[in-house]
Amino acid sequence: GAVGKSAQVPLHVWLPDAMEGPTPVSALIRAATMVAAGVYLVA
């Protein structure tokens, strides 16, 4: 689950394409919260 959310190999392919959203969304999803959820799950 963390491999998918935190964009680890081999499920990393979605993250660069996700830049198509508005830039503030990029900050929210890619920087702080959604991708950090995977790390939080492992912790």
All heavy atoms as atom14 arrays in JSON, in Angstrom:
{
  "sequence": "GAVGKSAQVPLHVWLPDAMEGPTPVSALIRAATMVAAGVYLVA",
  "atom14_mask": [
    [1, 1, 1, 1, 0, 0, 0, 0, 0, 0, 0, 0, 0, 0],
    [1, 1, 1, 1, 1, 0, 0, 0, 0, 0, 0, 0, 0, 0],
    [1, 1, 1, 1, 1, 1, 1, 0, 0, 0, 0, 0, 0, 0],
    [1, 1, 1, 1, 0, 0, 0, 0, 0, 0, 0, 0, 0, 0],
    [1, 1, 1, 1, 1, 1, 1, 1, 1, 0, 0, 0, 0, 0],
    [1, 1, 1, 1, 1, 1, 0, 0, 0, 0, 0, 0, 0, 0],
    [1, 1, 1, 1, 1, 0, 0, 0, 0, 0, 0, 0, 0, 0],
    [1, 1, 1, 1, 1, 1, 1, 1, 1, 0, 0, 0, 0, 0],
    [1, 1, 1, 1, 1, 1, 1, 0, 0, 0, 0, 0, 0, 0],
    [1, 1, 1, 1, 1, 1, 1, 0, 0, 0, 0, 0, 0, 0],
    [1, 1, 1, 1, 1, 1, 1, 1, 0, 0, 0, 0, 0, 0],
    [1, 1, 1, 1, 1, 1, 1, 1, 1, 1, 0, 0, 0, 0],
    [1, 1, 1, 1, 1, 1, 1, 0, 0, 0, 0, 0, 0, 0],
    [1, 1, 1, 1, 1, 1, 1, 1, 1, 1, 1, 1, 1, 1],
    [1, 1, 1, 1, 1, 1, 1, 1, 0, 0, 0, 0, 0, 0],
    [1, 1, 1, 1, 1, 1, 1, 0, 0, 0, 0, 0, 0, 0],
    [1, 1, 1, 1, 1, 1, 1, 1, 0, 0, 0, 0, 0, 0],
    [1, 1, 1, 1, 1, 0, 0, 0, 0, 0, 0, 0, 0, 0],
    [1, 1, 1, 1, 1, 1, 1, 1, 0, 0, 0, 0, 0, 0],
    [1, 1, 1, 1, 1, 1, 1, 1, 1, 0, 0, 0, 0, 0],
    [1, 1, 1, 1, 0, 0, 0, 0, 0, 0, 0, 0, 0, 0],
    [1, 1, 1, 1, 1, 1, 1, 0, 0, 0, 0, 0, 0, 0],
    [1, 1, 1, 1, 1, 1, 1, 0, 0, 0, 0, 0, 0, 0],
    [1, 1, 1, 1, 1, 1, 1, 0, 0, 0, 0, 0, 0, 0],
    [1, 1, 1, 1, 1, 1, 1, 0, 0, 0, 0, 0, 0, 0],
    [1, 1, 1, 1, 1, 1, 0, 0, 0, 0, 0, 0, 0, 0],
    [1, 1, 1, 1, 1, 0, 0, 0, 0, 0, 0, 0, 0, 0],
    [1, 1, 1, 1, 1, 1, 1, 1, 0, 0, 0, 0, 0, 0],
    [1, 1, 1, 1, 1, 1, 1, 1, 0, 0, 0, 0, 0, 0],
    [1, 1, 1, 1, 1, 1, 1, 1, 1, 1, 1, 0, 0, 0],
    [1, 1, 1, 1, 1, 0, 0, 0, 0, 0, 0, 0, 0, 0],
    [1, 1, 1, 1, 1, 0, 0, 0, 0, 0, 0, 0, 0, 0],
    [1, 1, 1, 1, 1, 1, 1, 0, 0, 0, 0, 0, 0, 0],
    [1, 1, 1, 1, 1, 1, 1, 1, 0, 0, 0, 0, 0, 0],
    [1, 1, 1, 1, 1, 1, 1, 0, 0, 0, 0, 0, 0, 0],
    [1, 1, 1, 1, 1, 0, 0, 0, 0, 0, 0, 0, 0, 0],
    [1, 1, 1, 1, 1, 0, 0, 0, 0, 0, 0, 0, 0, 0],
    [1, 1, 1, 1, 0, 0, 0, 0, 0, 0, 0, 0, 0, 0],
    [1, 1, 1, 1, 1, 1, 1, 0, 0, 0, 0, 0, 0, 0],
    [1, 1, 1, 1, 1, 1, 1, 1, 1, 1, 1, 1, 0, 0],
    [1, 1, 1, 1, 1, 1, 1, 1, 0, 0, 0, 0, 0, 0],
    [1, 1, 1, 1, 1, 1, 1, 0, 0, 0, 0, 0, 0, 0],
    [1, 1, 1, 1, 1, 0, 0, 0, 0, 0, 0, 0, 0, 0]
  ],
  "atom14_positions": [
    [[0.83, -1.21, 0.0], [0.0, 0.0, 0.0], [0.86, 1.25, 0.0], [0.58, 2.22, -0.71], [0.0, 0.0, 0.0], [0.0, 0.0, 0.0], [0.0, 0.0, 0.0], [0.0, 0.0, 0.0], [0.0, 0.0, 0.0], [0.0, 0.0, 0.0], [0.0, 0.0, 0.0], [0.0, 0.0, 0.0], [0.0, 0.0, 0.0], [0.0, 0.0, 0.0]],
    [[1.95, 1.2, 0.79], [2.88, 2.33, 0.86], [3.65, 2.48, -0.46], [3.97, 3.6, -0.86], [3.85, 2.14, 2.03], [0.0, 0.0, 0.0], [0.0, 0.0, 0.0], [0.0, 0.0, 0.0], [0.0, 0.0, 0.0], [0.0, 0.0, 0.0], [0.0, 0.0, 0.0], [0.0, 0.0, 0.0], [0.0, 0.0, 0.0], [0.0, 0.0, 0.0]],
    [[3.96, 1.36, -1.13], [4.65, 1.41, -2.43], [3.81, 2.2, -3.43], [4.33, 3.02, -4.19], [4.95, -0.01, -2.96], [5.49, 0.04, -4.38], [5.95, -0.72, -2.06], [0.0, 0.0, 0.0], [0.0, 0.0, 0.0], [0.0, 0.0, 0.0], [0.0, 0.0, 0.0], [0.0, 0.0, 0.0], [0.0, 0.0, 0.0], [0.0, 0.0, 0.0]],
    [[2.49, 1.97, -3.41], [1.6, 2.7, -4.3], [1.49, 4.17, -3.94], [1.75, 5.06, -4.76], [0.0, 0.0, 0.0], [0.0, 0.0, 0.0], [0.0, 0.0, 0.0], [0.0, 0.0, 0.0], [0.0, 0.0, 0.0], [0.0, 0.0, 0.0], [0.0, 0.0, 0.0], [0.0, 0.0, 0.0], [0.0, 0.0, 0.0], [0.0, 0.0, 0.0]],
    [[1.13, 4.46, -2.68], [0.91, 5.85, -2.25], [2.19, 6.68, -2.27], [2.2, 7.84, -2.65], [0.33, 5.88, -0.83], [-1.16, 5.65, -0.75], [-1.95, 6.89, -1.07], [-3.43, 6.63, -0.85], [-4.01, 5.67, -1.77], [0.0, 0.0, 0.0], [0.0, 0.0, 0.0], [0.0, 0.0, 0.0], [0.0, 0.0, 0.0], [0.0, 0.0, 0.0]],
    [[3.31, 6.08, -1.81], [4.56, 6.84, -1.73], [5.41, 6.7, -2.99], [6.59, 7.04, -2.98], [5.36, 6.41, -0.5], [4.77, 6.91, 0.68], [0.0, 0.0, 0.0], [0.0, 0.0, 0.0], [0.0, 0.0, 0.0], [0.0, 0.0, 0.0], [0.0, 0.0, 0.0], [0.0, 0.0, 0.0], [0.0, 0.0, 0.0], [0.0, 0.0, 0.0]],
    [[4.81, 6.15, -4.06], [5.44, 6.11, -5.39], [6.82, 5.46, -5.38], [7.78, 6.0, -5.9], [5.52, 7.53, -5.96], [0.0, 0.0, 0.0], [0.0, 0.0, 0.0], [0.0, 0.0, 0.0], [0.0, 0.0, 0.0], [0.0, 0.0, 0.0], [0.0, 0.0, 0.0], [0.0, 0.0, 0.0], [0.0, 0.0, 0.0], [0.0, 0.0, 0.0]],
    [[6.91, 4.28, -4.76], [8.17, 3.53, -4.79], [8.22, 2.64, -6.03], [7.18, 2.28, -6.58], [8.29, 2.66, -3.52], [8.23, 3.45, -2.22], [9.39, 4.4, -2.06], [10.53, 4.0, -1.87], [9.12, 5.7, -2.15], [0.0, 0.0, 0.0], [0.0, 0.0, 0.0], [0.0, 0.0, 0.0], [0.0, 0.0, 0.0], [0.0, 0.0, 0.0]],
    [[9.42, 2.29, -6.47], [9.58, 1.36, -7.6], [8.89, 0.04, -7.24], [9.07, -0.43, -6.12], [11.08, 1.15, -7.87], [11.3, 0.04, -8.89], [11.73, 2.45, -8.35], [0.0, 0.0, 0.0], [0.0, 0.0, 0.0], [0.0, 0.0, 0.0], [0.0, 0.0, 0.0], [0.0, 0.0, 0.0], [0.0, 0.0, 0.0], [0.0, 0.0, 0.0]],
    [[8.08, -0.58, -8.08], [7.78, -0.25, -9.48], [6.49, 0.56, -9.68], [6.08, 0.75, -10.82], [7.63, -1.63, -10.11], [7.0, -2.45, -9.02], [7.53, -1.91, -7.72], [0.0, 0.0, 0.0], [0.0, 0.0, 0.0], [0.0, 0.0, 0.0], [0.0, 0.0, 0.0], [0.0, 0.0, 0.0], [0.0, 0.0, 0.0], [0.0, 0.0, 0.0]],
    [[5.85, 1.03, -8.6], [4.57, 1.75, -8.75], [4.78, 3.27, -8.72], [3.89, 4.02, -8.33], [3.59, 1.33, -7.65], [3.19, -0.16, -7.63], [2.22, -0.44, -6.49], [2.57, -0.59, -8.95], [0.0, 0.0, 0.0], [0.0, 0.0, 0.0], [0.0, 0.0, 0.0], [0.0, 0.0, 0.0], [0.0, 0.0, 0.0], [0.0, 0.0, 0.0]],
    [[5.97, 3.72, -9.14], [6.29, 5.15, -9.09], [5.76, 5.91, -10.31], [5.82, 7.13, -10.34], [7.81, 5.33, -9.05], [8.48, 4.86, -10.3], [8.59, 3.52, -10.61], [9.01, 5.54, -11.35], [9.19, 3.41, -11.79], [9.44, 4.61, -12.26], [0.0, 0.0, 0.0], [0.0, 0.0, 0.0], [0.0, 0.0, 0.0], [0.0, 0.0, 0.0]],
    [[5.23, 5.18, -11.29], [4.95, 5.78, -12.6], [3.85, 6.85, -12.58], [3.8, 7.7, -13.47], [4.56, 4.69, -13.63], [5.76, 3.8, -13.95], [3.4, 3.83, -13.11], [0.0, 0.0, 0.0], [0.0, 0.0, 0.0], [0.0, 0.0, 0.0], [0.0, 0.0, 0.0], [0.0, 0.0, 0.0], [0.0, 0.0, 0.0], [0.0, 0.0, 0.0]],
    [[2.99, 6.85, -11.57], [1.87, 7.8, -11.56], [2.29, 9.21, -11.14], [1.68, 10.19, -11.54], [0.75, 7.31, -10.63], [1.1, 7.29, -9.17], [1.63, 6.25, -8.47], [0.93, 8.36, -8.21], [1.82, 6.59, -7.15], [1.4, 7.88, -6.97], [0.44, 9.66, -8.31], [1.39, 8.67, -5.81], [0.42, 10.44, -7.16], [0.89, 9.94, -5.93]],
    [[3.34, 9.32, -10.32], [3.62, 10.6, -9.66], [4.01, 11.72, -10.63], [3.46, 12.82, -10.54], [4.67, 10.43, -8.56], [4.69, 11.63, -7.62], [4.0, 11.29, -6.31], [6.09, 12.08, -7.31], [0.0, 0.0, 0.0], [0.0, 0.0, 0.0], [0.0, 0.0, 0.0], [0.0, 0.0, 0.0], [0.0, 0.0, 0.0], [0.0, 0.0, 0.0]],
    [[4.96, 11.5, -11.57], [5.31, 12.6, -12.49], [4.13, 13.06, -13.35], [3.95, 14.25, -13.58], [6.43, 12.0, -13.35], [7.0, 10.91, -12.5], [5.84, 10.33, -11.76], [0.0, 0.0, 0.0], [0.0, 0.0, 0.0], [0.0, 0.0, 0.0], [0.0, 0.0, 0.0], [0.0, 0.0, 0.0], [0.0, 0.0, 0.0], [0.0, 0.0, 0.0]],
    [[3.28, 12.11, -13.78], [2.12, 12.48, -14.59], [1.1, 13.29, -13.78], [0.32, 14.06, -14.34], [1.41, 11.23, -15.13], [2.22, 10.55, -16.23], [3.42, 10.86, -16.3], [1.68, 9.74, -16.98], [0.0, 0.0, 0.0], [0.0, 0.0, 0.0], [0.0, 0.0, 0.0], [0.0, 0.0, 0.0], [0.0, 0.0, 0.0], [0.0, 0.0, 0.0]],
    [[1.12, 13.09, -12.47], [0.14, 13.76, -11.61], [0.38, 15.27, -11.55], [-0.4, 16.0, -10.96], [0.19, 13.17, -10.2], [0.0, 0.0, 0.0], [0.0, 0.0, 0.0], [0.0, 0.0, 0.0], [0.0, 0.0, 0.0], [0.0, 0.0, 0.0], [0.0, 0.0, 0.0], [0.0, 0.0, 0.0], [0.0, 0.0, 0.0], [0.0, 0.0, 0.0]],
    [[1.44, 15.75, -12.19], [1.71, 17.2, -12.26], [0.67, 17.92, -13.13], [0.69, 19.14, -13.2], [3.1, 17.44, -12.86], [4.23, 16.92, -12.01], [4.22, 17.69, -10.39], [4.48, 16.3, -9.35], [0.0, 0.0, 0.0], [0.0, 0.0, 0.0], [0.0, 0.0, 0.0], [0.0, 0.0, 0.0], [0.0, 0.0, 0.0], [0.0, 0.0, 0.0]],
    [[-0.19, 17.16, -13.8], [-1.23, 17.77, -14.64], [-2.27, 18.52, -13.81], [-3.0, 19.35, -14.33], [-1.92, 16.69, -15.49], [-1.06, 16.1, -16.58], [-0.71, 17.11, -17.68], [-1.41, 18.12, -17.82], [0.29, 16.88, -18.37], [0.0, 0.0, 0.0], [0.0, 0.0, 0.0], [0.0, 0.0, 0.0], [0.0, 0.0, 0.0], [0.0, 0.0, 0.0]],
    [[-2.35, 18.21, -12.53], [-3.29, 18.92, -11.66], [-2.8, 20.33, -11.39], [-1.66, 20.68, -11.71], [0.0, 0.0, 0.0], [0.0, 0.0, 0.0], [0.0, 0.0, 0.0], [0.0, 0.0, 0.0], [0.0, 0.0, 0.0], [0.0, 0.0, 0.0], [0.0, 0.0, 0.0], [0.0, 0.0, 0.0], [0.0, 0.0, 0.0], [0.0, 0.0, 0.0]],
    [[-3.63, 21.19, -10.78], [-3.19, 22.54, -10.41], [-1.95, 22.49, -9.5], [-1.82, 21.56, -8.69], [-4.4, 23.11, -9.66], [-5.57, 22.3, -10.13], [-5.03, 20.94, -10.42], [0.0, 0.0, 0.0], [0.0, 0.0, 0.0], [0.0, 0.0, 0.0], [0.0, 0.0, 0.0], [0.0, 0.0, 0.0], [0.0, 0.0, 0.0], [0.0, 0.0, 0.0]],
    [[-1.06, 23.48, -9.62], [0.2, 23.46, -8.85], [-0.01, 23.39, -7.33], [0.72, 22.67, -6.65], [1.05, 24.7, -9.22], [1.31, 24.64, -10.62], [2.38, 24.67, -8.49], [0.0, 0.0, 0.0], [0.0, 0.0, 0.0], [0.0, 0.0, 0.0], [0.0, 0.0, 0.0], [0.0, 0.0, 0.0], [0.0, 0.0, 0.0], [0.0, 0.0, 0.0]],
    [[-0.99, 24.11, -6.75], [-1.19, 23.96, -5.29], [-1.53, 22.51, -4.9], [-1.15, 22.04, -3.84], [-2.37, 24.89, -4.99], [-2.39, 25.85, -6.11], [-1.88, 25.12, -7.31], [0.0, 0.0, 0.0], [0.0, 0.0, 0.0], [0.0, 0.0, 0.0], [0.0, 0.0, 0.0], [0.0, 0.0, 0.0], [0.0, 0.0, 0.0], [0.0, 0.0, 0.0]],
    [[-2.23, 21.8, -5.81], [-2.54, 20.39, -5.57], [-1.25, 19.57, -5.57], [-1.08, 18.65, -4.76], [-3.53, 19.86, -6.63], [-3.68, 18.36, -6.54], [-4.87, 20.54, -6.48], [0.0, 0.0, 0.0], [0.0, 0.0, 0.0], [0.0, 0.0, 0.0], [0.0, 0.0, 0.0], [0.0, 0.0, 0.0], [0.0, 0.0, 0.0], [0.0, 0.0, 0.0]],
    [[-0.32, 19.93, -6.47], [0.99, 19.25, -6.48], [1.67, 19.4, -5.13], [2.25, 18.46, -4.61], [1.88, 19.84, -7.58], [1.27, 19.73, -8.84], [0.0, 0.0, 0.0], [0.0, 0.0, 0.0], [0.0, 0.0, 0.0], [0.0, 0.0, 0.0], [0.0, 0.0, 0.0], [0.0, 0.0, 0.0], [0.0, 0.0, 0.0], [0.0, 0.0, 0.0]],
    [[1.6, 20.6, -4.57], [2.22, 20.84, -3.26], [1.56, 20.0, -2.18], [2.22, 19.42, -1.33], [2.13, 22.32, -2.9], [0.0, 0.0, 0.0], [0.0, 0.0, 0.0], [0.0, 0.0, 0.0], [0.0, 0.0, 0.0], [0.0, 0.0, 0.0], [0.0, 0.0, 0.0], [0.0, 0.0, 0.0], [0.0, 0.0, 0.0], [0.0, 0.0, 0.0]],
    [[0.23, 19.91, -2.26], [-0.53, 19.19, -1.23], [-0.31, 17.68, -1.32], [-0.04, 17.0, -0.33], [-2.02, 19.51, -1.37], [-2.95, 18.96, -0.28], [-2.6, 19.56, 1.07], [-4.4, 19.28, -0.61], [0.0, 0.0, 0.0], [0.0, 0.0, 0.0], [0.0, 0.0, 0.0], [0.0, 0.0, 0.0], [0.0, 0.0, 0.0], [0.0, 0.0, 0.0]],
    [[-0.43, 17.14, -2.55], [-0.37, 15.68, -2.72], [1.07, 15.18, -2.73], [1.42, 14.22, -2.07], [-1.08, 15.27, -4.04], [-2.58, 15.52, -3.93], [-0.82, 13.8, -4.35], [-3.36, 15.17, -5.17], [0.0, 0.0, 0.0], [0.0, 0.0, 0.0], [0.0, 0.0, 0.0], [0.0, 0.0, 0.0], [0.0, 0.0, 0.0], [0.0, 0.0, 0.0]],
    [[1.92, 15.86, -3.5], [3.26, 15.33, -3.72], [4.26, 15.71, -2.64], [5.3, 15.09, -2.51], [3.79, 15.81, -5.08], [3.69, 14.76, -6.15], [2.28, 14.56, -6.62], [1.84, 15.67, -7.42], [0.58, 15.95, -7.64], [-0.36, 15.2, -7.13], [0.22, 16.97, -8.38], [0.0, 0.0, 0.0], [0.0, 0.0, 0.0], [0.0, 0.0, 0.0]],
    [[4.01, 16.76, -1.89], [5.03, 17.21, -0.95], [4.78, 16.71, 0.46], [5.67, 16.17, 1.1], [5.08, 18.74, -0.95], [0.0, 0.0, 0.0], [0.0, 0.0, 0.0], [0.0, 0.0, 0.0], [0.0, 0.0, 0.0], [0.0, 0.0, 0.0], [0.0, 0.0, 0.0], [0.0, 0.0, 0.0], [0.0, 0.0, 0.0], [0.0, 0.0, 0.0]],
    [[3.58, 16.88, 0.93], [3.41, 16.77, 2.37], [2.51, 15.64, 2.81], [2.77, 15.01, 3.82], [2.82, 18.08, 2.87], [0.0, 0.0, 0.0], [0.0, 0.0, 0.0], [0.0, 0.0, 0.0], [0.0, 0.0, 0.0], [0.0, 0.0, 0.0], [0.0, 0.0, 0.0], [0.0, 0.0, 0.0], [0.0, 0.0, 0.0], [0.0, 0.0, 0.0]],
    [[1.46, 15.39, 2.07], [0.42, 14.57, 2.68], [0.28, 13.2, 2.05], [0.67, 12.2, 2.63], [-0.92, 15.33, 2.64], [-1.14, 15.8, 1.32], [-0.89, 16.52, 3.56], [0.0, 0.0, 0.0], [0.0, 0.0, 0.0], [0.0, 0.0, 0.0], [0.0, 0.0, 0.0], [0.0, 0.0, 0.0], [0.0, 0.0, 0.0], [0.0, 0.0, 0.0]],
    [[-0.24, 13.14, 0.83], [-0.57, 11.83, 0.27], [0.66, 10.92, 0.18], [0.61, 9.77, 0.62], [-1.2, 12.0, -1.11], [-1.54, 10.66, -1.77], [-2.44, 10.92, -3.27], [-2.26, 9.35, -4.05], [0.0, 0.0, 0.0], [0.0, 0.0, 0.0], [0.0, 0.0, 0.0], [0.0, 0.0, 0.0], [0.0, 0.0, 0.0], [0.0, 0.0, 0.0]],
    [[1.76, 11.43, -0.38], [2.94, 10.57, -0.52], [3.57, 10.25, 0.84], [4.19, 9.2, 1.01], [3.99, 11.21, -1.46], [3.51, 11.22, -2.9], [4.36, 12.6, -1.01], [0.0, 0.0, 0.0], [0.0, 0.0, 0.0], [0.0, 0.0, 0.0], [0.0, 0.0, 0.0], [0.0, 0.0, 0.0], [0.0, 0.0, 0.0], [0.0, 0.0, 0.0]],
    [[3.36, 11.15, 1.81], [3.88, 10.89, 3.15], [3.06, 9.81, 3.87], [3.53, 9.21, 4.84], [3.87, 12.17, 3.97], [0.0, 0.0, 0.0], [0.0, 0.0, 0.0], [0.0, 0.0, 0.0], [0.0, 0.0, 0.0], [0.0, 0.0, 0.0], [0.0, 0.0, 0.0], [0.0, 0.0, 0.0], [0.0, 0.0, 0.0], [0.0, 0.0, 0.0]],
    [[1.84, 9.56, 3.39], [0.98, 8.55, 4.02], [1.62, 7.18, 4.0], [1.5, 6.41, 4.96], [-0.38, 8.5, 3.32], [0.0, 0.0, 0.0], [0.0, 0.0, 0.0], [0.0, 0.0, 0.0], [0.0, 0.0, 0.0], [0.0, 0.0, 0.0], [0.0, 0.0, 0.0], [0.0, 0.0, 0.0], [0.0, 0.0, 0.0], [0.0, 0.0, 0.0]],
    [[2.34, 6.86, 2.93], [3.0, 5.55, 2.84], [4.08, 5.4, 3.9], [4.2, 4.35, 4.54], [0.0, 0.0, 0.0], [0.0, 0.0, 0.0], [0.0, 0.0, 0.0], [0.0, 0.0, 0.0], [0.0, 0.0, 0.0], [0.0, 0.0, 0.0], [0.0, 0.0, 0.0], [0.0, 0.0, 0.0], [0.0, 0.0, 0.0], [0.0, 0.0, 0.0]],
    [[4.87, 6.46, 4.08], [5.92, 6.44, 5.11], [5.29, 6.32, 6.5], [5.75, 5.57, 7.35], [6.8, 7.71, 5.02], [7.91, 7.69, 6.05], [7.37, 7.87, 3.62], [0.0, 0.0, 0.0], [0.0, 0.0, 0.0], [0.0, 0.0, 0.0], [0.0, 0.0, 0.0], [0.0, 0.0, 0.0], [0.0, 0.0, 0.0], [0.0, 0.0, 0.0]],
    [[4.18, 7.07, 6.69], [3.47, 7.02, 7.98], [2.93, 5.61, 8.25], [3.01, 5.12, 9.38], [2.32, 8.03, 7.96], [1.49, 8.04, 9.22], [1.95, 8.69, 10.37], [0.27, 7.39, 9.29], [1.21, 8.68, 11.54], [-0.49, 7.38, 10.44], [-0.01, 8.03, 11.57], [-0.75, 8.02, 12.73], [0.0, 0.0, 0.0], [0.0, 0.0, 0.0]],
    [[2.42, 4.94, 7.21], [1.9, 3.58, 7.36], [3.0, 2.62, 7.82], [2.81, 1.83, 8.73], [1.3, 3.1, 6.03], [0.9, 1.61, 5.97], [-0.25, 1.32, 6.93], [0.5, 1.19, 4.55], [0.0, 0.0, 0.0], [0.0, 0.0, 0.0], [0.0, 0.0, 0.0], [0.0, 0.0, 0.0], [0.0, 0.0, 0.0], [0.0, 0.0, 0.0]],
    [[4.18, 2.7, 7.16], [5.3, 1.82, 7.54], [5.72, 2.11, 8.97], [6.03, 1.2, 9.75], [6.49, 1.98, 6.57], [7.65, 1.07, 6.97], [6.07, 1.67, 5.13], [0.0, 0.0, 0.0], [0.0, 0.0, 0.0], [0.0, 0.0, 0.0], [0.0, 0.0, 0.0], [0.0, 0.0, 0.0], [0.0, 0.0, 0.0], [0.0, 0.0, 0.0]],
    [[5.71, 3.4, 9.36], [6.07, 3.76, 10.74], [5.05, 3.18, 11.74], [5.41, 2.73, 12.82], [6.12, 5.28, 10.88], [0.0, 0.0, 0.0], [0.0, 0.0, 0.0], [0.0, 0.0, 0.0], [0.0, 0.0, 0.0], [0.0, 0.0, 0.0], [0.0, 0.0, 0.0], [0.0, 0.0, 0.0], [0.0, 0.0, 0.0], [0.0, 0.0, 0.0]]
  ]
}
